[in-house]
Amino acid sequence: MYKIKICGLMRECDVEAVNEYLPDYIGFILTQGFSRSIDFDKAKQLSKKVDKRIKRVGVFVNENAEYIKRFYDDGIIDIVQLHGDESPELINELNGIPIIKMFKCSNKAVVDTEKYSNANYFLFDSGTGSGRAFDWSLIPKCKKPFFLAGGIDINNIEKAKSEVSPFCFDVSSSVETNGFKDKNKIKQIIERVRNE
């Protein structure tokens, strides 16, 4: 069965929605400066309310190991998502913490996954939180389970299943209305993903 991650939770009602419909993963944006960023205290508050059956992912963009470890060591997150231009050495510094490493897939980018073989999962996206789909033929061949992000919505899920068959679908803006998570859209996309 395909898995699903709802990323960019910011409010208690977002947590209530995911607790009702139980995606496999949720994401908190823990680097400041993005539209869905939350700080340490807010992440800690929301994290405590997330159903234990859901894995909590902390999304970081070009942060140092010390900053990242603080969230993991405090029990706020279960998995670290490196969503910038992080080095393979950073993954070594985060030894023992489950890691998702993001790669941008575009016509100009050379996707070199080999150097990051010590990550647990890969994630292929069109950019940093762009919400835009990309040419899936640019996804490199890899044996590692991977997340597919970038413009995934209820209309292209079935196509993505047949053409890409990712381990997990990663969505954010497609389950929002007016910039905020929409409970009904969360329900619909989870049902669509799990409809084999």
Protein backbone atom coordinates (compact mmCIF):
# COMPACT_ATOMS: atom_id res chain seq x y z
CA MET A 1 0.00 0.00 0.00
CA TYR A 2 1.23 3.47 -0.84
CA LYS A 3 1.97 5.79 2.05
CA ILE A 4 1.12 9.48 2.38
CA LYS A 5 2.64 12.48 4.14
CA ILE A 6 0.73 15.68 4.88
CA CYS A 7 3.33 18.42 5.16
CA GLY A 8 3.26 21.95 6.55
CA LEU A 9 1.04 21.59 9.63
CA MET A 10 0.77 24.84 11.57
CA ARG A 11 -2.42 24.78 13.68
CA GLU A 12 -4.13 22.58 16.23
CA CYS A 13 -7.03 22.01 13.83
CA ASP A 14 -4.49 20.64 11.30
CA VAL A 15 -3.40 18.10 13.89
CA GLU A 16 -7.01 17.22 14.69
CA ALA A 17 -7.64 16.56 10.99
CA VAL A 18 -4.65 14.25 10.55
CA ASN A 19 -5.47 12.44 13.79
CA GLU A 20 -8.90 11.67 12.36
CA TYR A 21 -7.69 10.38 8.99
CA LEU A 22 -4.28 9.00 9.99
CA PRO A 23 -1.78 9.66 7.21
CA ASP A 24 1.48 7.74 7.62
CA TYR A 25 3.57 10.89 8.10
CA ILE A 26 3.08 14.57 8.85
CA GLY A 27 5.60 17.34 8.39
CA PHE A 28 6.54 20.45 10.35
CA ILE A 29 8.58 23.13 8.54
CA LEU A 30 11.28 23.92 11.12
CA THR A 31 13.48 26.30 9.16
CA GLN A 32 12.25 29.88 9.44
CA GLY A 33 11.32 32.08 6.51
CA PHE A 34 8.83 29.86 4.69
CA SER A 35 5.06 30.37 4.53
CA ARG A 36 4.39 27.32 6.70
CA SER A 37 7.34 27.66 9.11
CA ILE A 38 6.75 27.13 12.82
CA ASP A 39 9.18 27.66 15.70
CA PHE A 40 10.47 25.25 18.34
CA ASP A 41 7.78 26.02 20.91
CA LYS A 42 4.90 25.71 18.43
CA ALA A 43 6.34 22.47 17.05
CA LYS A 44 6.63 21.07 20.56
CA GLN A 45 3.05 22.02 21.38
CA LEU A 46 1.59 20.51 18.19
CA SER A 47 3.83 17.46 18.22
CA LYS A 48 2.51 16.28 21.58
CA LYS A 49 -1.01 16.11 20.12
CA VAL A 50 -0.16 14.06 17.02
CA ASP A 51 -1.52 10.49 17.13
CA LYS A 52 1.30 8.07 17.96
CA ARG A 53 0.51 6.04 14.83
CA ILE A 54 1.67 8.96 12.67
CA LYS A 55 5.41 9.56 12.15
CA ARG A 56 6.40 13.21 12.67
CA VAL A 57 8.86 14.62 10.14
CA GLY A 58 10.88 17.78 10.74
CA VAL A 59 11.68 19.61 7.49
CA PHE A 60 14.97 21.53 7.54
CA VAL A 61 16.64 23.64 4.85
CA ASN A 62 20.41 24.03 5.21
CA GLU A 63 20.48 23.92 9.01
CA ASN A 64 23.36 22.66 11.16
CA ALA A 65 23.35 19.35 13.02
CA GLU A 66 23.06 20.97 16.45
CA TYR A 67 19.87 22.82 15.51
CA ILE A 68 18.32 19.70 13.97
CA LYS A 69 19.27 17.40 16.86
CA ARG A 70 17.51 19.66 19.35
CA PHE A 71 14.11 18.81 17.82
CA TYR A 72 14.87 15.11 17.61
CA ASP A 73 16.37 14.82 21.09
CA ASP A 74 13.38 16.63 22.58
CA GLY A 75 11.00 14.07 21.04
CA ILE A 76 9.32 16.61 18.76
CA ILE A 77 10.09 14.67 15.56
CA ASP A 78 10.74 11.06 14.58
CA ILE A 79 12.41 11.67 11.21
CA VAL A 80 14.56 14.45 9.74
CA GLN A 81 13.91 15.69 6.21
CA LEU A 82 16.85 17.55 4.67
CA HIS A 83 15.27 19.78 2.04
CA GLY A 84 18.18 21.99 0.98
CA ASP A 85 21.72 21.61 -0.30
CA GLU A 86 22.99 19.65 2.67
CA SER A 87 26.23 17.70 2.45
CA PRO A 88 26.58 13.95 2.92
CA GLU A 89 28.71 14.81 5.97
CA LEU A 90 25.67 16.30 7.71
CA ILE A 91 23.91 12.93 7.46
CA ASN A 92 26.95 11.37 9.14
CA GLU A 93 26.71 13.96 11.92
CA LEU A 94 23.06 12.99 12.43
CA ASN A 95 24.06 9.36 12.86
CA GLY A 96 21.23 7.23 14.25
CA ILE A 97 18.45 9.63 13.22
CA PRO A 98 16.22 8.48 10.32
CA ILE A 99 16.83 10.77 7.34
CA ILE A 100 14.85 11.72 4.22
CA LYS A 101 17.08 13.54 1.70
CA MET A 102 15.42 15.72 -0.93
CA PHE A 103 16.66 16.10 -4.52
CA LYS A 104 15.40 18.70 -6.99
CA CYS A 105 14.50 17.18 -10.33
CA SER A 106 14.67 19.61 -13.22
CA ASN A 107 16.08 19.62 -16.72
CA LYS A 108 19.13 21.53 -15.50
CA ALA A 109 19.84 19.51 -12.37
CA VAL A 110 22.14 16.50 -12.24
CA VAL A 111 20.66 14.31 -9.53
CA ASP A 112 23.49 12.53 -7.75
CA THR A 113 21.97 10.23 -5.15
CA GLU A 114 25.06 8.03 -4.74
CA LYS A 115 26.79 10.35 -2.25
CA TYR A 116 23.72 10.21 0.01
CA SER A 117 23.38 6.44 0.25
CA ASN A 118 23.43 6.68 4.06
CA ALA A 119 20.02 8.43 4.03
CA ASN A 120 17.08 6.16 4.81
CA TYR A 121 14.81 7.61 2.14
CA PHE A 122 15.05 9.94 -0.82
CA LEU A 123 12.50 12.59 -1.79
CA PHE A 124 12.13 13.92 -5.33
CA ASP A 125 10.61 17.37 -5.77
CA SER A 126 10.49 20.23 -8.25
CA GLY A 127 12.00 22.64 -5.72
CA THR A 128 11.71 23.86 -2.15
CA GLY A 129 7.99 23.92 -1.46
CA SER A 130 7.09 25.00 -4.99
CA GLY A 131 3.88 22.98 -5.16
CA ARG A 132 4.52 22.44 -8.86
CA ALA A 133 4.65 19.11 -10.66
CA PHE A 134 7.75 18.16 -12.64
CA ASP A 135 8.69 15.73 -15.37
CA TRP A 136 8.71 12.41 -13.53
CA SER A 137 11.00 10.89 -16.16
CA LEU A 138 13.77 12.96 -14.51
CA ILE A 139 13.59 10.83 -11.35
CA PRO A 140 16.80 8.78 -11.23
CA LYS A 141 16.74 5.04 -10.89
CA CYS A 142 17.23 4.13 -7.24
CA LYS A 143 16.74 1.12 -5.01
CA LYS A 144 15.96 3.21 -1.96
CA PRO A 145 12.30 3.88 -1.05
CA PHE A 146 11.39 7.43 -2.07
CA PHE A 147 8.82 10.13 -1.45
CA LEU A 148 7.27 11.97 -4.41
CA ALA A 149 6.45 15.66 -3.89
CA GLY A 150 5.71 18.65 -6.10
CA GLY A 151 2.20 19.26 -7.34
CA ILE A 152 0.77 15.94 -6.24
CA ASP A 153 -3.01 16.20 -6.00
CA ILE A 154 -6.15 14.12 -6.21
CA ASN A 155 -6.16 14.40 -10.02
CA ASN A 156 -2.71 12.97 -10.73
CA ILE A 157 -2.34 10.38 -7.96
CA GLU A 158 -3.42 7.45 -10.13
CA LYS A 159 -1.07 8.50 -12.93
CA ALA A 160 1.80 8.80 -10.44
CA LYS A 161 1.04 5.35 -9.05
CA SER A 162 1.30 3.74 -12.48
CA GLU A 163 4.22 5.80 -13.84
CA VAL A 164 6.38 6.36 -10.75
CA SER A 165 5.15 4.04 -7.98
CA PRO A 166 6.76 5.93 -5.07
CA PHE A 167 6.98 4.63 -1.54
CA CYS A 168 5.11 7.70 -0.28
CA PHE A 169 3.21 10.69 -1.68
CA ASP A 170 4.10 14.03 -0.05
CA VAL A 171 1.45 16.76 -0.27
CA SER A 172 0.93 20.21 1.20
CA SER A 173 -0.65 22.97 -0.90
CA SER A 174 -2.99 20.54 -2.69
CA VAL A 175 -4.77 19.86 0.64
CA GLU A 176 -5.23 23.55 1.43
CA THR A 177 -7.91 26.15 0.85
CA ASN A 178 -6.86 29.80 1.01
CA GLY A 179 -3.45 28.81 2.37
CA PHE A 180 -4.69 26.63 5.24
CA LYS A 181 -5.08 22.89 5.57
CA ASP A 182 -8.55 21.71 4.54
CA LYS A 183 -9.88 18.71 6.46
CA ASN A 184 -12.03 17.48 3.57
CA LYS A 185 -9.15 17.64 1.09
CA ILE A 186 -6.94 15.72 3.53
CA LYS A 187 -9.62 13.03 3.81
CA GLN A 188 -10.08 12.81 0.03
CA ILE A 189 -6.41 12.50 -0.86
CA ILE A 190 -5.71 9.90 1.84
CA GLU A 191 -8.62 7.82 0.56
CA ARG A 192 -7.38 8.17 -3.02
CA VAL A 193 -3.82 7.16 -2.14
CA ARG A 194 -4.97 4.09 -0.23
CA ASN A 195 -7.44 2.99 -2.88
CA GLU A 196 -5.31 0.30 -4.49
